[in-house]
């Protein structure tokens, strides 16, 4: 597990690491049978992807977009944070994730999702 992902996992011990989400897509649909999230809060359907430099390529941006769109269609909210931000702005990333967790809890308790 990359260091930035380890840092977030240590800050959010209640998160599941490398959580597998079944896509429920049929074979030949152009989607895999599951996607892995770097960190996840399954009870809130909130996932966090920690992106390194490879995610800056056009190919990876397209794959990431496709992944997020499918997961969102399954009721997930996916946050993307960069390795650099986790390493250099750890507190800000931590506070951002906390705010998103709180918003997600509020949204789910209101029955919006």
PDB file of N, CA and C in Angstrom:
ATOM      1  N   UNK A   1       0.848  -1.164   0.000  1.00  0.00           N
ATOM      2  CA  UNK A   1       0.000   0.000   0.000  1.00  0.00           C
ATOM      3  C   UNK A   1       0.903   1.239   0.000  1.00  0.00           C
ATOM      4  N   UNK A   2       0.655   2.186  -0.907  1.00  0.00           N
ATOM      5  CA  UNK A   2       1.471   3.402  -0.962  1.00  0.00           C
ATOM      6  C   UNK A   2       1.371   4.206   0.340  1.00  0.00           C
ATOM      7  N   UNK A   3       2.411   4.951   0.641  1.00  0.00           N
ATOM      8  CA  UNK A   3       2.485   5.726   1.884  1.00  0.00           C
ATOM      9  C   UNK A   3       1.288   6.663   2.063  1.00  0.00           C
ATOM     10  N   UNK A   4       0.868   7.440   1.044  1.00  0.00           N
ATOM     11  CA  UNK A   4      -0.289   8.315   1.266  1.00  0.00           C
ATOM     12  C   UNK A   4      -1.551   7.539   1.670  1.00  0.00           C
ATOM     13  N   UNK A   5      -1.756   6.388   1.093  1.00  0.00           N
ATOM     14  CA  UNK A   5      -2.906   5.566   1.455  1.00  0.00           C
ATOM     15  C   UNK A   5      -2.751   5.049   2.889  1.00  0.00           C
ATOM     16  N   UNK A   6      -1.528   4.697   3.276  1.00  0.00           N
ATOM     17  CA  UNK A   6      -1.266   4.247   4.648  1.00  0.00           C
ATOM     18  C   UNK A   6      -1.576   5.359   5.646  1.00  0.00           C
ATOM     19  N   UNK A   7      -1.203   6.579   5.289  1.00  0.00           N
ATOM     20  CA  UNK A   7      -1.463   7.722   6.171  1.00  0.00           C
ATOM     21  C   UNK A   7      -2.958   7.879   6.398  1.00  0.00           C
ATOM     22  N   UNK A   8      -3.734   7.871   5.315  1.00  0.00           N
ATOM     23  CA  UNK A   8      -5.179   8.026   5.462  1.00  0.00           C
ATOM     24  C   UNK A   8      -5.786   6.846   6.212  1.00  0.00           C
ATOM     25  N   UNK A   9      -5.316   5.656   5.958  1.00  0.00           N
ATOM     26  CA  UNK A   9      -5.829   4.484   6.666  1.00  0.00           C
ATOM     27  C   UNK A   9      -5.571   4.596   8.166  1.00  0.00           C
ATOM     28  N   UNK A  10      -4.423   5.170   8.530  1.00  0.00           N
ATOM     29  CA  UNK A  10      -4.121   5.320   9.961  1.00  0.00           C
ATOM     30  C   UNK A  10      -4.975   6.418  10.595  1.00  0.00           C
ATOM     31  N   UNK A  11      -5.337   7.433   9.820  1.00  0.00           N
ATOM     32  CA  UNK A  11      -6.184   8.514  10.342  1.00  0.00           C
ATOM     33  C   UNK A  11      -7.650   8.103  10.449  1.00  0.00           C
ATOM     34  N   UNK A  12      -8.049   7.177   9.589  1.00  0.00           N
ATOM     35  CA  UNK A  12      -9.447   6.727   9.552  1.00  0.00           C
ATOM     36  C   UNK A  12      -9.488   5.217   9.784  1.00  0.00           C
ATOM     37  N   UNK A  13      -9.276   4.826  11.017  1.00  0.00           N
ATOM     38  CA  UNK A  13      -9.200   3.399  11.326  1.00  0.00           C
ATOM     39  C   UNK A  13     -10.512   2.667  11.053  1.00  0.00           C
ATOM     40  N   UNK A  14     -11.640   3.400  11.015  1.00  0.00           N
ATOM     41  CA  UNK A  14     -12.930   2.758  10.737  1.00  0.00           C
ATOM     42  C   UNK A  14     -13.139   2.498   9.243  1.00  0.00           C
ATOM     43  N   UNK A  15     -12.252   3.010   8.411  1.00  0.00           N
ATOM     44  CA  UNK A  15     -12.365   2.810   6.964  1.00  0.00           C
ATOM     45  C   UNK A  15     -11.871   1.413   6.577  1.00  0.00           C
ATOM     46  N   UNK A  16     -12.512   0.852   5.575  1.00  0.00           N
ATOM     47  CA  UNK A  16     -12.051  -0.409   5.003  1.00  0.00           C
ATOM     48  C   UNK A  16     -11.005  -0.087   3.940  1.00  0.00           C
ATOM     49  N   UNK A  17      -9.891  -0.775   3.977  1.00  0.00           N
ATOM     50  CA  UNK A  17      -8.803  -0.542   3.032  1.00  0.00           C
ATOM     51  C   UNK A  17      -8.960  -1.489   1.853  1.00  0.00           C
ATOM     52  N   UNK A  18      -8.781  -0.933   0.650  1.00  0.00           N
ATOM     53  CA  UNK A  18      -8.885  -1.690  -0.595  1.00  0.00           C
ATOM     54  C   UNK A  18     -10.204  -2.472  -0.639  1.00  0.00           C
ATOM     55  N   UNK A  19     -11.270  -1.729  -0.443  1.00  0.00           N
ATOM     56  CA  UNK A  19     -12.616  -2.296  -0.387  1.00  0.00           C
ATOM     57  C   UNK A  19     -13.120  -2.614  -1.790  1.00  0.00           C
ATOM     58  N   UNK A  20     -13.678  -3.798  -1.968  1.00  0.00           N
ATOM     59  CA  UNK A  20     -14.170  -4.258  -3.269  1.00  0.00           C
ATOM     60  C   UNK A  20     -15.670  -4.000  -3.369  1.00  0.00           C
ATOM     61  N   UNK A  21     -16.059  -3.300  -4.441  1.00  0.00           N
ATOM     62  CA  UNK A  21     -17.466  -3.039  -4.726  1.00  0.00           C
ATOM     63  C   UNK A  21     -17.840  -3.844  -5.970  1.00  0.00           C
ATOM     64  N   UNK A  22     -18.804  -4.695  -5.843  1.00  0.00           N
ATOM     65  CA  UNK A  22     -19.291  -5.456  -7.012  1.00  0.00           C
ATOM     66  C   UNK A  22     -20.043  -4.503  -7.925  1.00  0.00           C
ATOM     67  N   UNK A  23     -19.756  -4.559  -9.208  1.00  0.00           N
ATOM     68  CA  UNK A  23     -20.379  -3.621 -10.151  1.00  0.00           C
ATOM     69  C   UNK A  23     -21.745  -4.092 -10.637  1.00  0.00           C
ATOM     70  N   UNK A  24     -22.036  -5.370 -10.485  1.00  0.00           N
ATOM     71  CA  UNK A  24     -23.314  -5.934 -10.935  1.00  0.00           C
ATOM     72  C   UNK A  24     -23.520  -5.795 -12.441  1.00  0.00           C
ATOM     73  N   UNK A  25     -22.416  -5.644 -13.164  1.00  0.00           N
ATOM     74  CA  UNK A  25     -22.485  -5.494 -14.615  1.00  0.00           C
ATOM     75  C   UNK A  25     -22.272  -6.841 -15.294  1.00  0.00           C
ATOM     76  N   UNK A  26     -23.026  -7.116 -16.348  1.00  0.00           N
ATOM     77  CA  UNK A  26     -22.869  -8.405 -17.041  1.00  0.00           C
ATOM     78  C   UNK A  26     -21.547  -8.481 -17.801  1.00  0.00           C
ATOM     79  N   UNK A  27     -21.095  -9.679 -17.994  1.00  0.00           N
ATOM     80  CA  UNK A  27     -19.884  -9.922 -18.784  1.00  0.00           C
ATOM     81  C   UNK A  27     -20.072  -9.307 -20.169  1.00  0.00           C
ATOM     82  N   UNK A  28     -19.050  -8.656 -20.668  1.00  0.00           N
ATOM     83  CA  UNK A  28     -19.107  -8.034 -21.983  1.00  0.00           C
ATOM     84  C   UNK A  28     -19.698  -6.628 -21.967  1.00  0.00           C
ATOM     85  N   UNK A  29     -19.983  -6.110 -20.780  1.00  0.00           N
ATOM     86  CA  UNK A  29     -20.593  -4.779 -20.675  1.00  0.00           C
ATOM     87  C   UNK A  29     -19.563  -3.655 -20.808  1.00  0.00           C
ATOM     88  N   UNK A  30     -18.288  -4.015 -20.749  1.00  0.00           N
ATOM     89  CA  UNK A  30     -17.245  -2.995 -20.778  1.00  0.00           C
ATOM     90  C   UNK A  30     -16.816  -2.562 -19.377  1.00  0.00           C
ATOM     91  N   UNK A  31     -17.397  -3.207 -18.367  1.00  0.00           N
ATOM     92  CA  UNK A  31     -17.045  -2.919 -16.977  1.00  0.00           C
ATOM     93  C   UNK A  31     -16.534  -4.194 -16.326  1.00  0.00           C
ATOM     94  N   UNK A  32     -15.638  -4.049 -15.354  1.00  0.00           N
ATOM     95  CA  UNK A  32     -15.206  -5.232 -14.617  1.00  0.00           C
ATOM     96  C   UNK A  32     -16.319  -5.698 -13.677  1.00  0.00           C
ATOM     97  N   UNK A  33     -16.165  -6.885 -13.123  1.00  0.00           N
ATOM     98  CA  UNK A  33     -17.170  -7.407 -12.196  1.00  0.00           C
ATOM     99  C   UNK A  33     -17.108  -6.702 -10.845  1.00  0.00           C
ATOM    100  N   UNK A  34     -15.979  -6.031 -10.567  1.00  0.00           N
ATOM    101  CA  UNK A  34     -15.876  -5.250  -9.334  1.00  0.00           C
ATOM    102  C   UNK A  34     -14.831  -4.158  -9.500  1.00  0.00           C
ATOM    103  N   UNK A  35     -14.943  -3.166  -8.644  1.00  0.00           N
ATOM    104  CA  UNK A  35     -13.954  -2.096  -8.550  1.00  0.00           C
ATOM    105  C   UNK A  35     -13.414  -2.081  -7.127  1.00  0.00           C
ATOM    106  N   UNK A  36     -12.158  -1.721  -6.984  1.00  0.00           N
ATOM    107  CA  UNK A  36     -11.535  -1.603  -5.677  1.00  0.00           C
ATOM    108  C   UNK A  36     -11.403  -0.114  -5.336  1.00  0.00           C
ATOM    109  N   UNK A  37     -11.810   0.231  -4.132  1.00  0.00           N
ATOM    110  CA  UNK A  37     -11.613   1.591  -3.631  1.00  0.00           C
ATOM    111  C   UNK A  37     -10.447   1.561  -2.650  1.00  0.00           C
ATOM    112  N   UNK A  38      -9.577   2.575  -2.711  1.00  0.00           N
ATOM    113  CA  UNK A  38      -8.422   2.609  -1.814  1.00  0.00           C
ATOM    114  C   UNK A  38      -8.862   2.580  -0.354  1.00  0.00           C
ATOM    115  N   UNK A  39      -9.828   3.405  -0.016  1.00  0.00           N
ATOM    116  CA  UNK A  39     -10.440   3.416   1.313  1.00  0.00           C
ATOM    117  C   UNK A  39     -11.937   3.539   1.119  1.00  0.00           C
ATOM    118  N   UNK A  40     -12.697   2.954   2.023  1.00  0.00           N
ATOM    119  CA  UNK A  40     -14.147   3.057   1.903  1.00  0.00           C
ATOM    120  C   UNK A  40     -14.802   3.046   3.273  1.00  0.00           C
ATOM    121  N   UNK A  41     -15.908   3.728   3.328  1.00  0.00           N
ATOM    122  CA  UNK A  41     -16.804   3.707   4.472  1.00  0.00           C
ATOM    123  C   UNK A  41     -18.085   3.071   3.937  1.00  0.00           C
ATOM    124  N   UNK A  42     -18.122   1.722   3.894  1.00  0.00           N
ATOM    125  CA  UNK A  42     -19.224   1.028   3.228  1.00  0.00           C
ATOM    126  C   UNK A  42     -20.601   1.390   3.763  1.00  0.00           C
ATOM    127  N   UNK A  43     -20.712   1.620   5.074  1.00  0.00           N
ATOM    128  CA  UNK A  43     -22.004   1.946   5.670  1.00  0.00           C
ATOM    129  C   UNK A  43     -22.538   3.282   5.183  1.00  0.00           C
ATOM    130  N   UNK A  44     -21.661   4.130   4.648  1.00  0.00           N
ATOM    131  CA  UNK A  44     -22.070   5.419   4.080  1.00  0.00           C
ATOM    132  C   UNK A  44     -21.971   5.428   2.553  1.00  0.00           C
ATOM    133  N   UNK A  45     -21.461   4.334   1.999  1.00  0.00           N
ATOM    134  CA  UNK A  45     -21.179   4.268   0.561  1.00  0.00           C
ATOM    135  C   UNK A  45     -20.335   5.467   0.133  1.00  0.00           C
ATOM    136  N   UNK A  46     -19.272   5.714   0.901  1.00  0.00           N
ATOM    137  CA  UNK A  46     -18.324   6.779   0.602  1.00  0.00           C
ATOM    138  C   UNK A  46     -16.962   6.152   0.372  1.00  0.00           C
ATOM    139  N   UNK A  47     -16.390   6.388  -0.802  1.00  0.00           N
ATOM    140  CA  UNK A  47     -15.087   5.844  -1.141  1.00  0.00           C
ATOM    141  C   UNK A  47     -14.075   6.950  -1.346  1.00  0.00           C
ATOM    142  N   UNK A  48     -12.822   6.625  -1.092  1.00  0.00           N
ATOM    143  CA  UNK A  48     -11.727   7.575  -1.293  1.00  0.00           C
ATOM    144  C   UNK A  48     -10.690   6.910  -2.175  1.00  0.00           C
ATOM    145  N   UNK A  49     -10.339   7.603  -3.236  1.00  0.00           N
ATOM    146  CA  UNK A  49      -9.286   7.157  -4.131  1.00  0.00           C
ATOM    147  C   UNK A  49      -8.096   8.090  -3.928  1.00  0.00           C
ATOM    148  N   UNK A  50      -6.935   7.513  -3.688  1.00  0.00           N
ATOM    149  CA  UNK A  50      -5.707   8.268  -3.478  1.00  0.00           C
ATOM    150  C   UNK A  50      -4.883   8.127  -4.749  1.00  0.00           C
ATOM    151  N   UNK A  51      -4.784   9.219  -5.490  1.00  0.00           N
ATOM    152  CA  UNK A  51      -4.211   9.177  -6.835  1.00  0.00           C
ATOM    153  C   UNK A  51      -2.760   9.637  -6.894  1.00  0.00           C
ATOM    154  N   UNK A  52      -1.940   8.809  -7.523  1.00  0.00           N
ATOM    155  CA  UNK A  52      -0.557   9.166  -7.812  1.00  0.00           C
ATOM    156  C   UNK A  52      -0.463   9.819  -9.181  1.00  0.00           C
ATOM    157  N   UNK A  53       0.743  10.032  -9.636  1.00  0.00           N
ATOM    158  CA  UNK A  53       1.003  10.719 -10.904  1.00  0.00           C
ATOM    159  C   UNK A  53       0.399   9.985 -12.103  1.00  0.00           C
ATOM    160  N   UNK A  54       0.292   8.680 -12.031  1.00  0.00           N
ATOM    161  CA  UNK A  54      -0.231   7.922 -13.176  1.00  0.00           C
ATOM    162  C   UNK A  54      -1.672   8.303 -13.500  1.00  0.00           C
ATOM    163  N   UNK A  55      -2.375   8.861 -12.553  1.00  0.00           N
ATOM    164  CA  UNK A  55      -3.778   9.245 -12.776  1.00  0.00           C
ATOM    165  C   UNK A  55      -3.906  10.550 -13.564  1.00  0.00           C
ATOM    166  N   UNK A  56      -2.778  11.164 -13.886  1.00  0.00           N
ATOM    167  CA  UNK A  56      -2.802  12.408 -14.669  1.00  0.00           C
ATOM    168  C   UNK A  56      -2.835  12.165 -16.179  1.00  0.00           C
ATOM    169  N   UNK A  57      -2.660  10.918 -16.594  1.00  0.00           N
ATOM    170  CA  UNK A  57      -2.667  10.650 -18.038  1.00  0.00           C
ATOM    171  C   UNK A  57      -4.103  10.645 -18.559  1.00  0.00           C
ATOM    172  N   UNK A  58      -4.250  10.909 -19.835  1.00  0.00           N
ATOM    173  CA  UNK A  58      -5.582  10.905 -20.451  1.00  0.00           C
ATOM    174  C   UNK A  58      -6.271   9.561 -20.289  1.00  0.00           C
ATOM    175  N   UNK A  59      -5.534   8.483 -20.478  1.00  0.00           N
ATOM    176  CA  UNK A  59      -6.099   7.142 -20.363  1.00  0.00           C
ATOM    177  C   UNK A  59      -6.637   6.905 -18.952  1.00  0.00           C
ATOM    178  N   UNK A  60      -5.840   7.224 -17.950  1.00  0.00           N
ATOM    179  CA  UNK A  60      -6.264   6.988 -16.568  1.00  0.00           C
ATOM    180  C   UNK A  60      -7.406   7.918 -16.163  1.00  0.00           C
ATOM    181  N   UNK A  61      -7.384   9.147 -16.637  1.00  0.00           N
ATOM    182  CA  UNK A  61      -8.500  10.055 -16.313  1.00  0.00           C
ATOM    183  C   UNK A  61      -9.802   9.493 -16.867  1.00  0.00           C
ATOM    184  N   UNK A  62      -9.743   8.935 -18.060  1.00  0.00           N
ATOM    185  CA  UNK A  62     -10.930   8.317 -18.655  1.00  0.00           C
ATOM    186  C   UNK A  62     -11.401   7.113 -17.854  1.00  0.00           C
ATOM    187  N   UNK A  63     -10.480   6.273 -17.449  1.00  0.00           N
ATOM    188  CA  UNK A  63     -10.828   5.096 -16.644  1.00  0.00           C
ATOM    189  C   UNK A  63     -11.396   5.506 -15.283  1.00  0.00           C
ATOM    190  N   UNK A  64     -10.755   6.511 -14.685  1.00  0.00           N
ATOM    191  CA  UNK A  64     -11.228   6.995 -13.382  1.00  0.00           C
ATOM    192  C   UNK A  64     -12.642   7.554 -13.489  1.00  0.00           C
ATOM    193  N   UNK A  65     -12.905   8.300 -14.555  1.00  0.00           N
ATOM    194  CA  UNK A  65     -14.234   8.881 -14.759  1.00  0.00           C
ATOM    195  C   UNK A  65     -15.278   7.779 -14.915  1.00  0.00           C
ATOM    196  N   UNK A  66     -14.957   6.773 -15.703  1.00  0.00           N
ATOM    197  CA  UNK A  66     -15.872   5.652 -15.935  1.00  0.00           C
ATOM    198  C   UNK A  66     -16.159   4.928 -14.617  1.00  0.00           C
ATOM    199  N   UNK A  67     -15.123   4.715 -13.821  1.00  0.00           N
ATOM    200  CA  UNK A  67     -15.261   4.045 -12.529  1.00  0.00           C
ATOM    201  C   UNK A  67     -16.162   4.852 -11.602  1.00  0.00           C
ATOM    202  N   UNK A  68     -15.891   6.145 -11.484  1.00  0.00           N
ATOM    203  CA  UNK A  68     -16.682   7.001 -10.590  1.00  0.00           C
ATOM    204  C   UNK A  68     -18.136   7.051 -11.041  1.00  0.00           C
ATOM    205  N   UNK A  69     -18.368   7.189 -12.341  1.00  0.00           N
ATOM    206  CA  UNK A  69     -19.744   7.264 -12.833  1.00  0.00           C
ATOM    207  C   UNK A  69     -20.522   5.990 -12.505  1.00  0.00           C
ATOM    208  N   UNK A  70     -19.890   4.835 -12.676  1.00  0.00           N
ATOM    209  CA  UNK A  70     -20.583   3.590 -12.364  1.00  0.00           C
ATOM    210  C   UNK A  70     -20.838   3.475 -10.864  1.00  0.00           C
ATOM    211  N   UNK A  71     -19.828   3.776 -10.059  1.00  0.00           N
ATOM    212  CA  UNK A  71     -20.017   3.688  -8.614  1.00  0.00           C
ATOM    213  C   UNK A  71     -21.102   4.657  -8.138  1.00  0.00           C
ATOM    214  N   UNK A  72     -21.134   5.853  -8.718  1.00  0.00           N
ATOM    215  CA  UNK A  72     -22.192   6.809  -8.360  1.00  0.00           C
ATOM    216  C   UNK A  72     -23.568   6.259  -8.744  1.00  0.00           C
ATOM    217  N   UNK A  73     -23.648   5.561  -9.862  1.00  0.00           N
ATOM    218  CA  UNK A  73     -24.934   4.978 -10.265  1.00  0.00           C
ATOM    219  C   UNK A  73     -25.389   3.893  -9.283  1.00  0.00           C
ATOM    220  N   UNK A  74     -24.439   3.351  -8.510  1.00  0.00           N
ATOM    221  CA  UNK A  74     -24.744   2.346  -7.491  1.00  0.00           C
ATOM    222  C   UNK A  74     -24.951   2.979  -6.113  1.00  0.00           C
ATOM    223  N   UNK A  75     -24.968   4.322  -6.075  1.00  0.00           N
ATOM    224  CA  UNK A  75     -25.224   5.025  -4.822  1.00  0.00           C
ATOM    225  C   UNK A  75     -23.997   5.442  -4.037  1.00  0.00           C
ATOM    226  N   UNK A  76     -22.826   5.223  -4.608  1.00  0.00           N
ATOM    227  CA  UNK A  76     -21.587   5.598  -3.931  1.00  0.00           C
ATOM    228  C   UNK A  76     -21.233   7.054  -4.211  1.00  0.00           C
ATOM    229  N   UNK A  77     -20.534   7.659  -3.262  1.00  0.00           N
ATOM    230  CA  UNK A  77     -19.897   8.962  -3.448  1.00  0.00           C
ATOM    231  C   UNK A  77     -18.397   8.673  -3.407  1.00  0.00           C
ATOM    232  N   UNK A  78     -17.669   9.128  -4.422  1.00  0.00           N
ATOM    233  CA  UNK A  78     -16.236   8.840  -4.504  1.00  0.00           C
ATOM    234  C   UNK A  78     -15.459  10.147  -4.458  1.00  0.00           C
ATOM    235  N   UNK A  79     -14.562  10.239  -3.486  1.00  0.00           N
ATOM    236  CA  UNK A  79     -13.678  11.393  -3.356  1.00  0.00           C
ATOM    237  C   UNK A  79     -12.317  11.016  -3.918  1.00  0.00           C
ATOM    238  N   UNK A  80     -11.702  11.963  -4.613  1.00  0.00           N
ATOM    239  CA  UNK A  80     -10.371  11.721  -5.147  1.00  0.00           C
ATOM    240  C   UNK A  80      -9.427  12.730  -4.505  1.00  0.00           C
ATOM    241  N   UNK A  81      -8.331  12.234  -3.956  1.00  0.00           N
ATOM    242  CA  UNK A  81      -7.295  13.089  -3.390  1.00  0.00           C
ATOM    243  C   UNK A  81      -5.961  12.653  -3.967  1.00  0.00           C
ATOM    244  N   UNK A  82      -5.072  13.594  -4.126  1.00  0.00           N
ATOM    245  CA  UNK A  82      -3.770  13.256  -4.702  1.00  0.00           C
ATOM    246  C   UNK A  82      -2.787  12.820  -3.623  1.00  0.00           C
ATOM    247  N   UNK A  83      -1.834  11.996  -4.029  1.00  0.00           N
ATOM    248  CA  UNK A  83      -0.755  11.603  -3.125  1.00  0.00           C
ATOM    249  C   UNK A  83      -0.076  12.838  -2.546  1.00  0.00           C
ATOM    250  N   UNK A  84       0.234  13.797  -3.417  1.00  0.00           N
ATOM    251  CA  UNK A  84       0.935  15.003  -2.977  1.00  0.00           C
ATOM    252  C   UNK A  84       0.150  15.757  -1.912  1.00  0.00           C
ATOM    253  N   UNK A  85      -1.171  15.884  -2.100  1.00  0.00           N
ATOM    254  CA  UNK A  85      -1.974  16.590  -1.106  1.00  0.00           C
ATOM    255  C   UNK A  85      -1.966  15.846   0.229  1.00  0.00           C
ATOM    256  N   UNK A  86      -2.065  14.534   0.177  1.00  0.00           N
ATOM    257  CA  UNK A  86      -2.031  13.760   1.425  1.00  0.00           C
ATOM    258  C   UNK A  86      -0.700  13.967   2.136  1.00  0.00           C
ATOM    259  N   UNK A  87       0.389  13.988   1.387  1.00  0.00           N
ATOM    260  CA  UNK A  87       1.714  14.131   1.988  1.00  0.00           C
ATOM    261  C   UNK A  87       2.010  15.555   2.444  1.00  0.00           C
ATOM    262  N   UNK A  88       1.553  16.546   1.680  1.00  0.00           N
ATOM    263  CA  UNK A  88       1.924  17.937   1.964  1.00  0.00           C
ATOM    264  C   UNK A  88       0.850  18.737   2.687  1.00  0.00           C
ATOM    265  N   UNK A  89      -0.393  18.300   2.591  1.00  0.00           N
ATOM    266  CA  UNK A  89      -1.512  19.030   3.199  1.00  0.00           C
ATOM    267  C   UNK A  89      -2.389  18.050   3.967  1.00  0.00           C
ATOM    268  N   UNK A  90      -1.762  17.236   4.789  1.00  0.00           N
ATOM    269  CA  UNK A  90      -2.464  16.155   5.473  1.00  0.00           C
ATOM    270  C   UNK A  90      -3.655  16.657   6.273  1.00  0.00           C
ATOM    271  N   UNK A  91      -3.475  17.728   7.018  1.00  0.00           N
ATOM    272  CA  UNK A  91      -4.558  18.252   7.850  1.00  0.00           C
ATOM    273  C   UNK A  91      -5.735  18.712   6.999  1.00  0.00           C
ATOM    274  N   UNK A  92      -5.446  19.397   5.910  1.00  0.00           N
ATOM    275  CA  UNK A  92      -6.513  19.876   5.028  1.00  0.00           C
ATOM    276  C   UNK A  92      -7.274  18.707   4.404  1.00  0.00           C
ATOM    277  N   UNK A  93      -6.557  17.672   3.984  1.00  0.00           N
ATOM    278  CA  UNK A  93      -7.200  16.490   3.405  1.00  0.00           C
ATOM    279  C   UNK A  93      -8.048  15.799   4.472  1.00  0.00           C
ATOM    280  N   UNK A  94      -7.502  15.663   5.672  1.00  0.00           N
ATOM    281  CA  UNK A  94      -8.243  15.052   6.778  1.00  0.00           C
ATOM    282  C   UNK A  94      -9.536  15.825   7.042  1.00  0.00           C
ATOM    283  N   UNK A  95      -9.452  17.136   7.126  1.00  0.00           N
ATOM    284  CA  UNK A  95     -10.634  17.965   7.387  1.00  0.00           C
ATOM    285  C   UNK A  95     -11.648  17.877   6.248  1.00  0.00           C
ATOM    286  N   UNK A  96     -11.163  17.824   5.004  1.00  0.00           N
ATOM    287  CA  UNK A  96     -12.056  17.669   3.853  1.00  0.00           C
ATOM    288  C   UNK A  96     -12.823  16.352   3.942  1.00  0.00           C
ATOM    289  N   UNK A  97     -12.116  15.282   4.231  1.00  0.00           N
ATOM    290  CA  UNK A  97     -12.777  13.968   4.319  1.00  0.00           C
ATOM    291  C   UNK A  97     -13.783  13.950   5.473  1.00  0.00           C
ATOM    292  N   UNK A  98     -13.407  14.514   6.604  1.00  0.00           N
ATOM    293  CA  UNK A  98     -14.336  14.592   7.742  1.00  0.00           C
ATOM    294  C   UNK A  98     -15.601  15.346   7.337  1.00  0.00           C
ATOM    295  N   UNK A  99     -15.436  16.460   6.630  1.00  0.00           N
ATOM    296  CA  UNK A  99     -16.609  17.243   6.219  1.00  0.00           C
ATOM    297  C   UNK A  99     -17.492  16.439   5.268  1.00  0.00           C
ATOM    298  N   UNK A 100     -16.875  15.661   4.400  1.00  0.00           N
ATOM    299  CA  UNK A 100     -17.640  14.844   3.462  1.00  0.00           C
ATOM    300  C   UNK A 100     -18.328  13.671   4.169  1.00  0.00           C
ATOM    301  N   UNK A 101     -17.674  13.124   5.174  1.00  0.00           N
ATOM    302  CA  UNK A 101     -18.301  12.066   5.970  1.00  0.00           C
ATOM    303  C   UNK A 101     -19.537  12.611   6.689  1.00  0.00           C
ATOM    304  N   UNK A 102     -19.399  13.787   7.269  1.00  0.00           N
ATOM    305  CA  UNK A 102     -20.533  14.397   7.972  1.00  0.00           C
ATOM    306  C   UNK A 102     -21.667  14.711   7.007  1.00  0.00           C
ATOM    307  N   UNK A 103     -21.333  15.242   5.839  1.00  0.00           N
ATOM    308  CA  UNK A 103     -22.354  15.559   4.845  1.00  0.00           C
ATOM    309  C   UNK A 103     -23.050  14.291   4.376  1.00  0.00           C
ATOM    310  N   UNK A 104     -22.282  13.230   4.193  1.00  0.00           N
ATOM    311  CA  UNK A 104     -22.856  11.964   3.732  1.00  0.00           C
ATOM    312  C   UNK A 104     -23.792  11.383   4.795  1.00  0.00           C
ATOM    313  N   UNK A 105     -23.385  11.454   6.065  1.00  0.00           N
ATOM    314  CA  UNK A 105     -24.240  10.971   7.159  1.00  0.00           C
ATOM    315  C   UNK A 105     -25.553  11.747   7.171  1.00  0.00           C
ATOM    316  N   UNK A 106     -25.449  13.054   6.985  1.00  0.00           N
ATOM    317  CA  UNK A 106     -26.642  13.906   6.977  1.00  0.00           C
ATOM    318  C   UNK A 106     -27.543  13.560   5.788  1.00  0.00           C
ATOM    319  N   UNK A 107     -26.937  13.390   4.630  1.00  0.00           N
ATOM    320  CA  UNK A 107     -27.691  13.058   3.422  1.00  0.00           C
ATOM    321  C   UNK A 107     -28.429  11.739   3.578  1.00  0.00           C
ATOM    322  N   UNK A 108     -27.722  10.730   4.108  1.00  0.00           N
ATOM    323  CA  UNK A 108     -28.341   9.417   4.272  1.00  0.00           C
ATOM    324  C   UNK A 108     -29.427   9.438   5.335  1.00  0.00           C
ATOM    325  N   UNK A 109     -29.222  10.206   6.400  1.00  0.00           N
ATOM    326  CA  UNK A 109     -30.245  10.262   7.446  1.00  0.00           C
ATOM    327  C   UNK A 109     -31.503  10.975   6.975  1.00  0.00           C
ATOM    328  N   UNK A 110     -31.361  11.845   5.966  1.00  0.00           N
ATOM    329  CA  UNK A 110     -32.521  12.521   5.385  1.00  0.00           C
ATOM    330  C   UNK A 110     -33.172  11.695   4.293  1.00  0.00           C
ATOM    331  N   UNK A 111     -32.575  10.544   3.975  1.00  0.00           N
ATOM    332  CA  UNK A 111     -33.157   9.664   2.962  1.00  0.00           C
ATOM    333  C   UNK A 111     -32.982  10.157   1.546  1.00  0.00           C
ATOM    334  N   UNK A 112     -31.996  11.024   1.316  1.00  0.00           N
ATOM    335  CA  UNK A 112     -31.791  11.603  -0.014  1.00  0.00           C
ATOM    336  C   UNK A 112     -31.177  10.597  -0.964  1.00  0.00           C
ATOM    337  N   UNK A 113     -30.274   9.755  -0.479  1.00  0.00           N
ATOM    338  CA  UNK A 113     -29.574   8.802  -1.359  1.00  0.00           C
ATOM    339  C   UNK A 113     -30.380   7.536  -1.502  1.00  0.00           C
TER     340      UNK A 113
END
